[in-house]
Protein backbone atom coordinates (compact mmCIF):
# COMPACT_ATOMS: atom_id res chain seq x y z
CA MET A 1 0.00 0.00 0.00
CA ALA A 2 1.36 3.41 -0.95
CA THR A 3 0.20 6.76 0.42
CA GLY A 4 1.55 10.28 -0.11
CA TYR A 5 3.03 13.13 1.86
CA TYR A 6 4.03 16.71 1.08
CA GLU A 7 5.47 19.88 2.59
CA PRO A 8 2.51 21.96 3.85
CA GLU A 9 2.55 25.73 4.29
CA ILE A 10 0.59 27.25 7.15
CA THR A 11 -0.11 30.76 8.42
CA ALA A 12 1.90 31.57 11.54
CA SER A 13 3.15 34.34 13.79
CA ARG A 14 6.48 34.95 15.51
CA ASP A 15 4.57 36.17 18.58
CA PRO A 16 1.60 34.74 20.50
CA GLN A 17 -1.78 35.58 19.01
CA PRO A 18 -5.34 34.78 20.19
CA GLY A 19 -6.36 31.34 18.93
CA TYR A 20 -2.85 30.46 17.70
CA VAL A 21 -1.08 27.34 18.97
CA PRO A 22 2.66 26.89 19.63
CA VAL A 23 5.09 25.07 17.37
CA TYR A 24 7.59 23.53 19.79
CA ARG A 25 11.31 22.77 19.73
CA VAL A 26 12.59 19.58 21.37
CA PRO A 27 12.34 20.00 25.17
CA ASP A 28 15.61 19.66 27.06
CA ASP A 29 14.09 17.14 29.51
CA LEU A 30 13.13 14.67 26.76
CA ILE A 31 15.56 11.76 27.07
CA GLU A 32 16.07 8.55 25.16
CA GLN A 33 17.29 5.22 26.49
CA GLN A 34 17.60 1.61 25.41
CA VAL A 35 15.61 -0.81 27.56
CA PRO A 36 15.45 -4.60 27.35
CA VAL A 37 12.14 -5.95 26.05
CA CYS A 38 11.73 -9.63 26.85
CA PRO A 39 9.23 -11.70 24.84
CA PRO A 40 6.18 -12.99 26.75
CA GLN A 41 6.58 -16.36 28.41
CA ALA A 42 4.61 -19.20 26.83
CA ASP A 43 4.85 -21.11 30.09
CA PRO A 44 3.87 -18.95 33.09
CA LEU A 45 5.78 -21.30 35.39
CA ALA A 46 9.02 -21.03 33.45
CA PRO A 47 11.79 -18.90 34.97
CA LEU A 48 11.87 -15.31 33.81
CA PRO A 49 14.51 -14.56 31.14
CA ASP A 50 17.60 -12.60 32.05
CA PRO A 51 16.96 -8.99 30.86
CA ALA A 52 20.59 -8.85 29.72
CA THR A 53 19.75 -11.43 27.04
CA CYS A 54 16.61 -9.67 25.76
CA PRO A 55 16.63 -7.37 22.71
CA LEU A 56 16.88 -3.64 23.34
CA LYS A 57 14.17 -1.17 22.37
CA LYS A 58 14.48 2.60 22.18
CA GLN A 59 12.21 4.48 24.57
CA ARG A 60 11.71 8.21 25.03
CA GLY A 61 10.60 9.77 28.28
CA ARG A 62 11.69 12.00 31.16
CA LEU A 63 13.04 11.69 34.67
CA VAL A 64 10.51 12.15 37.48
CA ASP A 65 12.06 12.08 40.97
CA GLY A 66 15.06 10.33 39.45
CA ARG A 67 13.03 7.60 37.77
CA PHE A 68 12.34 7.16 34.06
CA ALA A 69 8.71 7.92 33.12
CA PRO A 70 6.74 8.45 29.89
CA TYR A 71 6.94 11.93 28.43
CA PHE A 72 3.91 14.24 28.20
CA ASP A 73 1.39 13.05 25.60
CA ARG A 74 -0.46 15.22 23.07
CA THR A 75 -3.30 16.12 25.45
CA GLU A 76 -0.91 17.18 28.22
CA ILE A 77 1.20 19.25 25.82
CA GLU A 78 -1.83 20.95 24.28
CA ASN A 79 -3.12 21.69 27.79
CA GLY A 80 0.08 23.59 28.61
CA ALA A 81 2.61 21.07 29.96
CA LEU A 82 5.40 22.86 28.03
CA ALA A 83 4.11 26.43 28.33
CA GLY A 84 6.42 29.10 29.70
CA ARG A 85 9.66 27.26 28.91
CA GLY A 86 10.66 29.29 25.85
CA LEU A 87 10.36 26.30 23.50
CA GLU A 88 8.18 28.02 20.91
CA LEU A 89 9.62 28.35 17.40
CA ALA A 90 6.46 30.19 16.34
CA TRP A 91 2.69 30.08 16.72
CA ALA A 92 0.42 28.47 14.10
CA ALA A 93 -2.96 29.91 13.19
CA ASP A 94 -4.70 26.58 12.65
CA PRO A 95 -4.31 23.66 15.11
CA VAL A 96 -5.78 21.21 12.59
CA VAL A 97 -3.25 22.12 9.90
CA LEU A 98 -0.43 21.99 12.48
CA PHE A 99 -1.61 18.49 13.44
CA PHE A 100 -1.21 17.37 9.83
CA LEU A 101 2.11 19.19 9.51
CA GLN A 102 3.32 16.97 12.35
CA ILE A 103 2.22 13.92 10.36
CA GLN A 104 4.02 15.19 7.26
CA GLY A 105 7.17 15.84 9.30
CA SER A 106 8.17 19.14 7.69
CA GLY A 107 6.58 22.29 6.35
CA ARG A 108 6.67 26.04 5.91
CA LEU A 109 5.46 28.73 8.29
CA ARG A 110 4.36 31.89 6.49
CA PHE A 111 4.36 35.08 8.57
CA PRO A 112 2.27 38.25 8.04
CA ASP A 113 5.23 40.11 6.50
CA GLY A 114 5.53 37.44 3.79
CA SER A 115 8.65 35.80 5.20
CA VAL A 116 8.81 32.01 5.50
CA MET A 117 10.41 29.73 8.06
CA ARG A 118 11.01 26.16 6.90
CA ILE A 119 10.82 23.61 9.72
CA GLY A 120 11.61 19.93 9.91
CA TYR A 121 11.23 16.98 12.26
CA ALA A 122 13.53 17.21 15.28
CA GLY A 123 12.07 14.70 17.72
CA GLN A 124 8.98 12.97 19.08
CA ASN A 125 7.54 12.37 22.54
CA GLY A 126 7.80 8.57 22.46
CA PHE A 127 4.16 7.56 22.01
CA ASP A 128 3.12 5.41 19.06
CA TYR A 129 1.38 7.13 16.16
CA THR A 130 -2.39 6.57 15.87
CA GLY A 131 -4.04 7.35 12.55
CA ILE A 132 -7.22 9.31 13.19
CA GLY A 133 -8.60 8.57 9.71
CA SER A 134 -9.18 4.93 10.60
CA LEU A 135 -10.79 5.95 13.90
CA MET A 136 -13.18 8.29 12.13
CA LYS A 137 -14.07 5.68 9.51
CA ALA A 138 -14.78 3.08 12.19
CA ARG A 139 -17.15 5.55 13.89
CA ASP A 140 -18.94 6.42 10.62
CA LEU A 141 -17.97 10.08 10.93
CA LEU A 142 -16.86 10.40 7.30
CA GLY A 143 -19.28 10.33 4.43
CA PRO A 144 -18.67 9.59 0.73
CA GLY A 145 -15.77 11.64 -0.60
CA GLN A 146 -14.53 12.54 2.89
CA THR A 147 -12.04 9.71 3.43
CA ASN A 148 -9.03 11.60 2.05
CA MET A 149 -6.95 14.16 3.95
CA GLN A 150 -8.96 17.10 2.62
CA GLY A 151 -12.22 15.52 3.80
CA ILE A 152 -10.81 14.75 7.24
CA VAL A 153 -9.51 18.33 7.63
CA ALA A 154 -12.91 19.73 6.62
CA TRP A 155 -14.70 17.54 9.19
CA LEU A 156 -12.30 18.57 11.95
CA HIS A 157 -12.85 22.25 11.14
CA GLU A 158 -16.63 21.78 11.14
CA HIS A 159 -16.59 19.94 14.50
CA PRO A 160 -13.87 21.73 16.53
CA ASP A 161 -14.61 20.21 19.94
CA GLU A 162 -15.09 16.64 18.71
CA GLY A 163 -12.17 17.12 16.33
CA ARG A 164 -9.80 18.19 19.10
CA ALA A 165 -10.75 15.12 21.14
CA ILE A 166 -10.13 12.82 18.16
CA MET A 167 -6.76 14.41 17.38
CA GLN A 168 -5.75 13.91 21.00
CA GLU A 169 -6.34 10.17 20.62
CA ASN A 170 -3.09 10.30 18.65
CA ARG A 171 -0.86 10.66 21.72
CA SER A 172 2.24 11.09 19.54
CA TYR A 173 3.55 14.66 19.35
CA VAL A 174 6.29 15.92 17.01
CA PHE A 175 8.85 18.64 17.76
CA PHE A 176 10.52 20.77 15.08
CA HIS A 177 13.65 22.76 14.34
CA GLU A 178 14.27 25.47 11.78
CA LEU A 179 15.77 24.35 8.47
CA THR A 180 18.26 26.83 7.06
CA GLY A 181 19.76 24.71 4.28
CA PRO A 182 18.20 22.64 1.51
CA GLY A 183 15.32 20.47 2.51
CA PRO A 184 13.10 19.11 3.82
CA LEU A 185 15.57 16.52 5.06
CA GLY A 186 14.81 12.82 5.01
CA ALA A 187 15.97 10.07 7.34
CA MET A 188 19.33 9.91 5.54
CA GLY A 189 20.06 13.55 6.45
CA LEU A 190 19.73 14.56 2.79
CA PRO A 191 17.03 16.65 1.05
CA VAL A 192 14.08 14.64 -0.19
CA THR A 193 13.04 15.08 -3.81
CA PRO A 194 9.45 15.53 -5.04
CA HIS A 195 8.21 12.73 -7.31
CA ALA A 196 11.35 10.69 -6.49
CA THR A 197 11.64 10.10 -2.72
CA VAL A 198 9.63 7.41 -0.97
CA ALA A 199 9.48 6.75 2.78
CA ALA A 200 9.80 3.11 3.82
CA ASP A 201 10.47 0.92 6.83
CA PRO A 202 14.27 0.49 6.97
CA ARG A 203 13.87 -2.90 8.65
CA PHE A 204 12.70 -4.21 5.27
CA THR A 205 13.82 -1.63 2.70
CA PRO A 206 17.40 -0.34 2.96
CA LEU A 207 17.60 3.44 2.83
CA GLY A 208 19.09 4.48 -0.50
CA ALA A 209 17.63 1.52 -2.38
CA PRO A 210 15.62 2.04 -5.57
CA VAL A 211 12.00 0.87 -5.32
CA PHE A 212 9.76 0.28 -8.33
CA LEU A 213 6.06 0.71 -7.48
CA ASP A 214 3.73 -1.23 -9.76
CA VAL A 215 0.47 0.19 -8.36
CA ASP A 216 -3.00 1.01 -9.62
CA ASN A 217 -2.52 4.81 -9.41
CA ALA A 218 -0.52 5.99 -12.42
CA GLU A 219 0.78 9.07 -10.54
CA ALA A 220 2.61 6.88 -8.00
CA ALA A 221 3.67 4.12 -10.39
CA GLY A 222 7.32 4.04 -11.38
CA LEU A 223 10.80 4.29 -9.88
CA TRP A 224 11.41 5.85 -6.45
CA VAL A 225 14.31 5.94 -4.00
CA ALA A 226 13.89 5.03 -0.32
CA GLN A 227 15.29 8.14 1.40
CA ASP A 228 12.92 8.66 4.31
CA THR A 229 10.97 6.97 7.11
CA GLY A 230 7.71 7.72 8.90
CA GLY A 231 5.95 6.90 12.14
CA ALA A 232 3.03 5.35 10.26
CA ILE A 233 5.17 3.61 7.63
CA LYS A 234 5.72 0.23 9.24
CA GLY A 235 6.14 -3.21 7.71
CA PRO A 236 7.37 -4.61 4.41
CA ASN A 237 4.28 -3.55 2.45
CA ARG A 238 4.06 0.21 3.23
CA PHE A 239 5.49 3.10 1.24
CA ASP A 240 4.85 6.86 1.36
CA THR A 241 5.52 8.91 -1.79
CA PHE A 242 6.76 12.52 -1.51
CA TRP A 243 5.21 15.22 -3.73
CA GLY A 244 6.85 18.51 -2.70
CA ALA A 245 5.03 21.71 -1.70
CA GLY A 246 2.04 23.68 -2.95
CA ASP A 247 -1.63 23.07 -3.73
CA GLU A 248 -1.00 20.41 -6.37
CA ALA A 249 1.29 18.48 -4.03
CA ALA A 250 -1.35 18.69 -1.30
CA ARG A 251 -4.04 17.44 -3.69
CA ILE A 252 -2.03 14.43 -4.84
CA ALA A 253 -0.63 13.49 -1.42
CA GLY A 254 -3.95 13.99 0.36
CA GLY A 255 -5.77 11.65 -2.00
CA MET A 256 -3.02 9.08 -2.47
CA LEU A 257 -4.01 5.57 -1.41
CA THR A 258 -3.00 2.95 -3.91
CA ARG A 259 -2.15 -0.74 -3.87
CA GLY A 260 -0.11 -3.08 -5.98
CA ARG A 261 3.36 -4.59 -5.89
CA ALA A 262 6.69 -3.08 -4.89
CA TRP A 263 9.96 -4.25 -6.42
CA LEU A 264 13.10 -3.65 -4.35
CA LEU A 265 16.11 -3.30 -6.65
CA VAL A 266 19.38 -4.55 -5.15
CA PRO A 267 22.84 -5.23 -6.63
CA LEU A 268 23.54 -8.58 -8.24
CA GLY A 269 24.73 -11.11 -5.70
CA THR A 270 22.99 -9.51 -2.71
CA ILE A 271 20.40 -12.26 -2.32
CA ASP A 272 23.10 -14.94 -2.56
CA ARG A 273 25.18 -13.19 0.13
CA LEU A 274 22.16 -12.90 2.43
CA ALA A 275 21.36 -16.58 1.94
CA LEU A 276 24.93 -17.55 2.81
CA ARG A 277 24.85 -15.34 5.88
CA ALA A 278 21.59 -16.95 7.04
CA GLN A 279 23.10 -20.42 6.64
CA ALA A 280 26.36 -19.58 8.41
CA PRO A 281 25.16 -20.25 12.01
CA LEU A 282 23.91 -23.69 10.94
CA ASN A 283 27.33 -24.60 9.56
CA ARG A 284 29.21 -23.80 12.78
C-alpha cells in the first residue's frame, strides 16, 4: 500500500496571538534510552529470562524524581505542559493544519510580512502514532468523498470540539527545528526530492535503495528511491511517496491511497550473500 506526503505551508506568527497554537522545539528534559524488552513467556511457570539477554528497544521519556517515566502526551502538551519554557519556534494559526504538519514531518510557516520559516522533524515524545482517519471511519464520521486528507480536515474544522478530542487520541507529538539549508531533510540527512523520494520501513527496505512501485494509481507508479521513514510507515508492504510543496502536491498526497506490488532493486549477488549469511550459524 502506498500513500503520499508533502510539505505543507501554514499561516503563523512569531509572537503569541489569540487562537494560535505553539510550534515547539525539542524539550531539554526529553531523554532517550535503550531498555530490554523480553518476549512474553509461553509457560507462566518457566523462569523469567535474564533482561541482559533480551533485545533492546528505544524508549523516550523524562526523569521524574530520578526515575524514568513516559513523556507528556499530546493532550498534556496541548493543555500547557510545556508552556512558559521558551520552547516556541512560532505560533500556528490553525491547530488542525499543524496536526497534519506533524504527520508530514516538515513544512513552511508563512508570517504576516511574507517571510517564510522552513521547519523539519527534530524529535517525538515517544508515544506510538495513531491514525485518526481509521478511527473516524470506524465511527462512521466520514461520508462519501470525505475519506481523504482534505475531507478529514474539513470535518475537523466543522466539529472543533469533537475534532480536538479525536486528534488527542493520537498521543504522539512531534517537535521541530528550523531548516536553514536545503530540505526538507529525510531520514538519511539529505534533502528529499518531489516525485522521487519514498518513505519506507528500513527494517525491510534499505535506505538508499531504488524501489519500483507497480500500483493502480498511475501518478505513483514508477521508480522511487527510499530516502525517508515515517511513524506510520511500518512493515514490508508500506510506502509513502513525496510530492513537494504547494496546492497540487497537497491534492495528490492527500488523495493518495494505492495498492499493488513493490519491487526492491538490489545489486547482483545480494540475495546470494544474504542466503549464505543466514546459513552460516547452521554450519558452525
